[in-house]
C-alpha atoms as a PDB file:
ATOM      1  CA  UNK A   1      42.122-105.867  -4.769  1.00  0.00           C
ATOM      2  CA  UNK A   2      38.379-105.631  -5.229  1.00  0.00           C
ATOM      3  CA  UNK A   3      36.917-102.248  -4.227  1.00  0.00           C
ATOM      4  CA  UNK A   4      34.090-103.821  -2.175  1.00  0.00           C
ATOM      5  CA  UNK A   5      36.600-105.974  -0.316  1.00  0.00           C
ATOM      6  CA  UNK A   6      38.724-102.906   0.517  1.00  0.00           C
ATOM      7  CA  UNK A   7      35.646-101.021   1.677  1.00  0.00           C
ATOM      8  CA  UNK A   8      34.589-103.939   3.882  1.00  0.00           C
ATOM      9  CA  UNK A   9      38.093-104.226   5.354  1.00  0.00           C
ATOM     10  CA  UNK A  10      38.232-100.491   6.049  1.00  0.00           C
ATOM     11  CA  UNK A  11      34.824-100.589   7.722  1.00  0.00           C
ATOM     12  CA  UNK A  12      35.871-103.572   9.856  1.00  0.00           C
ATOM     13  CA  UNK A  13      39.053-101.772  10.910  1.00  0.00           C
ATOM     14  CA  UNK A  14      37.169 -98.579  11.767  1.00  0.00           C
ATOM     15  CA  UNK A  15      34.672-100.617  13.789  1.00  0.00           C
ATOM     16  CA  UNK A  16      37.416-102.381  15.741  1.00  0.00           C
ATOM     17  CA  UNK A  17      39.284 -99.145  16.464  1.00  0.00           C
ATOM     18  CA  UNK A  18      36.096 -97.388  17.555  1.00  0.00           C
ATOM     19  CA  UNK A  19      35.293-100.201  19.980  1.00  0.00           C
ATOM     20  CA  UNK A  20      38.841-100.271  21.393  1.00  0.00           C
ATOM     21  CA  UNK A  21      38.877 -96.511  21.946  1.00  0.00           C
ATOM     22  CA  UNK A  22      35.372 -96.568  23.418  1.00  0.00           C
ATOM     23  CA  UNK A  23      36.486 -99.240  25.902  1.00  0.00           C
ATOM     24  CA  UNK A  24      39.346 -97.020  27.064  1.00  0.00           C
ATOM     25  CA  UNK A  25      37.149 -93.920  27.261  1.00  0.00           C
ATOM     26  CA  UNK A  26      34.744 -95.917  29.433  1.00  0.00           C
ATOM     27  CA  UNK A  27      37.659 -96.690  31.769  1.00  0.00           C
ATOM     28  CA  UNK A  28      38.615 -93.005  31.889  1.00  0.00           C
ATOM     29  CA  UNK A  29      35.084 -91.793  32.558  1.00  0.00           C
ATOM     30  CA  UNK A  30      34.492 -94.530  35.129  1.00  0.00           C
ATOM     31  CA  UNK A  31      37.586 -93.453  37.034  1.00  0.00           C
ATOM     32  CA  UNK A  32      36.060 -90.032  37.633  1.00  0.00           C
ATOM     33  CA  UNK A  33      33.892 -91.541  40.356  1.00  0.00           C
ATOM     34  CA  UNK A  34      34.326 -89.386  43.463  1.00  0.00           C
ATOM     35  CA  UNK A  35      34.796 -92.497  45.633  1.00  0.00           C
ATOM     36  CA  UNK A  36      38.031 -93.407  43.830  1.00  0.00           C
ATOM     37  CA  UNK A  37      41.218 -92.072  45.497  1.00  0.00           C
ATOM     38  CA  UNK A  38      42.986 -89.386  43.401  1.00  0.00           C
ATOM     39  CA  UNK A  39      46.207 -91.385  42.958  1.00  0.00           C
ATOM     40  CA  UNK A  40      44.225 -94.350  41.659  1.00  0.00           C
ATOM     41  CA  UNK A  41      42.300 -92.053  39.297  1.00  0.00           C
ATOM     42  CA  UNK A  42      45.537 -90.703  37.821  1.00  0.00           C
ATOM     43  CA  UNK A  43      47.002 -94.173  37.429  1.00  0.00           C
ATOM     44  CA  UNK A  44      43.835 -95.531  35.782  1.00  0.00           C
ATOM     45  CA  UNK A  45      43.445 -92.566  33.436  1.00  0.00           C
ATOM     46  CA  UNK A  46      47.145 -92.619  32.588  1.00  0.00           C
ATOM     47  CA  UNK A  47      47.102 -96.335  31.775  1.00  0.00           C
ATOM     48  CA  UNK A  48      44.003 -95.937  29.591  1.00  0.00           C
ATOM     49  CA  UNK A  49      45.535 -92.956  27.801  1.00  0.00           C
ATOM     50  CA  UNK A  50      48.676 -94.954  27.052  1.00  0.00           C
ATOM     51  CA  UNK A  51      46.567 -97.791  25.617  1.00  0.00           C
ATOM     52  CA  UNK A  52      44.766 -95.224  23.435  1.00  0.00           C
ATOM     53  CA  UNK A  53      48.134 -93.962  22.218  1.00  0.00           C
ATOM     54  CA  UNK A  54      49.128 -97.505  21.248  1.00  0.00           C
ATOM     55  CA  UNK A  55      45.858 -97.949  19.337  1.00  0.00           C
ATOM     56  CA  UNK A  56      46.412 -94.643  17.527  1.00  0.00           C
ATOM     57  CA  UNK A  57      50.029 -95.500  16.689  1.00  0.00           C
ATOM     58  CA  UNK A  58      49.007 -98.889  15.278  1.00  0.00           C
ATOM     59  CA  UNK A  59      46.326 -97.226  13.174  1.00  0.00           C
ATOM     60  CA  UNK A  60      48.841 -94.690  11.854  1.00  0.00           C
ATOM     61  CA  UNK A  61      51.293 -97.501  11.095  1.00  0.00           C
ATOM     62  CA  UNK A  62      48.581 -99.379   9.220  1.00  0.00           C
ATOM     63  CA  UNK A  63      47.746 -96.270   7.221  1.00  0.00           C
ATOM     64  CA  UNK A  64      51.424 -95.784   6.401  1.00  0.00           C
ATOM     65  CA  UNK A  65      51.518 -92.390   8.067  1.00  0.00           C
ATOM     66  CA  UNK A  66      53.738 -93.092  11.041  1.00  0.00           C
ATOM     67  CA  UNK A  67      55.001 -89.760  12.285  1.00  0.00           C
ATOM     68  CA  UNK A  68      58.408 -88.946  13.651  1.00  0.00           C
ATOM     69  CA  UNK A  69      57.143 -87.312  16.821  1.00  0.00           C
ATOM     70  CA  UNK A  70      58.746 -88.465  20.017  1.00  0.00           C
ATOM     71  CA  UNK A  71      56.427 -89.890  22.657  1.00  0.00           C
ATOM     72  CA  UNK A  72      56.545 -88.246  26.068  1.00  0.00           C
ATOM     73  CA  UNK A  73      56.093 -90.675  28.969  1.00  0.00           C
ATOM     74  CA  UNK A  74      52.968 -89.825  30.956  1.00  0.00           C
ATOM     75  CA  UNK A  75      54.858 -90.364  34.213  1.00  0.00           C
ATOM     76  CA  UNK A  76      57.151 -87.452  33.278  1.00  0.00           C
ATOM     77  CA  UNK A  77      54.161 -85.204  32.732  1.00  0.00           C
ATOM     78  CA  UNK A  78      52.591 -86.282  36.025  1.00  0.00           C
ATOM     79  CA  UNK A  79      55.883 -85.829  37.900  1.00  0.00           C
ATOM     80  CA  UNK A  80      56.210 -82.286  36.504  1.00  0.00           C
ATOM     81  CA  UNK A  81      52.631 -81.488  37.569  1.00  0.00           C
ATOM     82  CA  UNK A  82      53.224 -82.612  41.157  1.00  0.00           C
END
């Protein structure tokens, strides 16, 4: 594969991932609004965090570095914190 083509593909992938993660971070930061009920904040942040995890996992899969770590459901963490 041509080196310039690989570089262009890598840059396009990095750009797409950056935009996807930025979208989710915007959701997380927007949910910090004091007018939003706490339960809704947790649900919104949790959902966005799970989408970020999916993006990260796909990126790791693409890079061929898929780990063997076991995912912990966010609901379990939230239930333990309550």
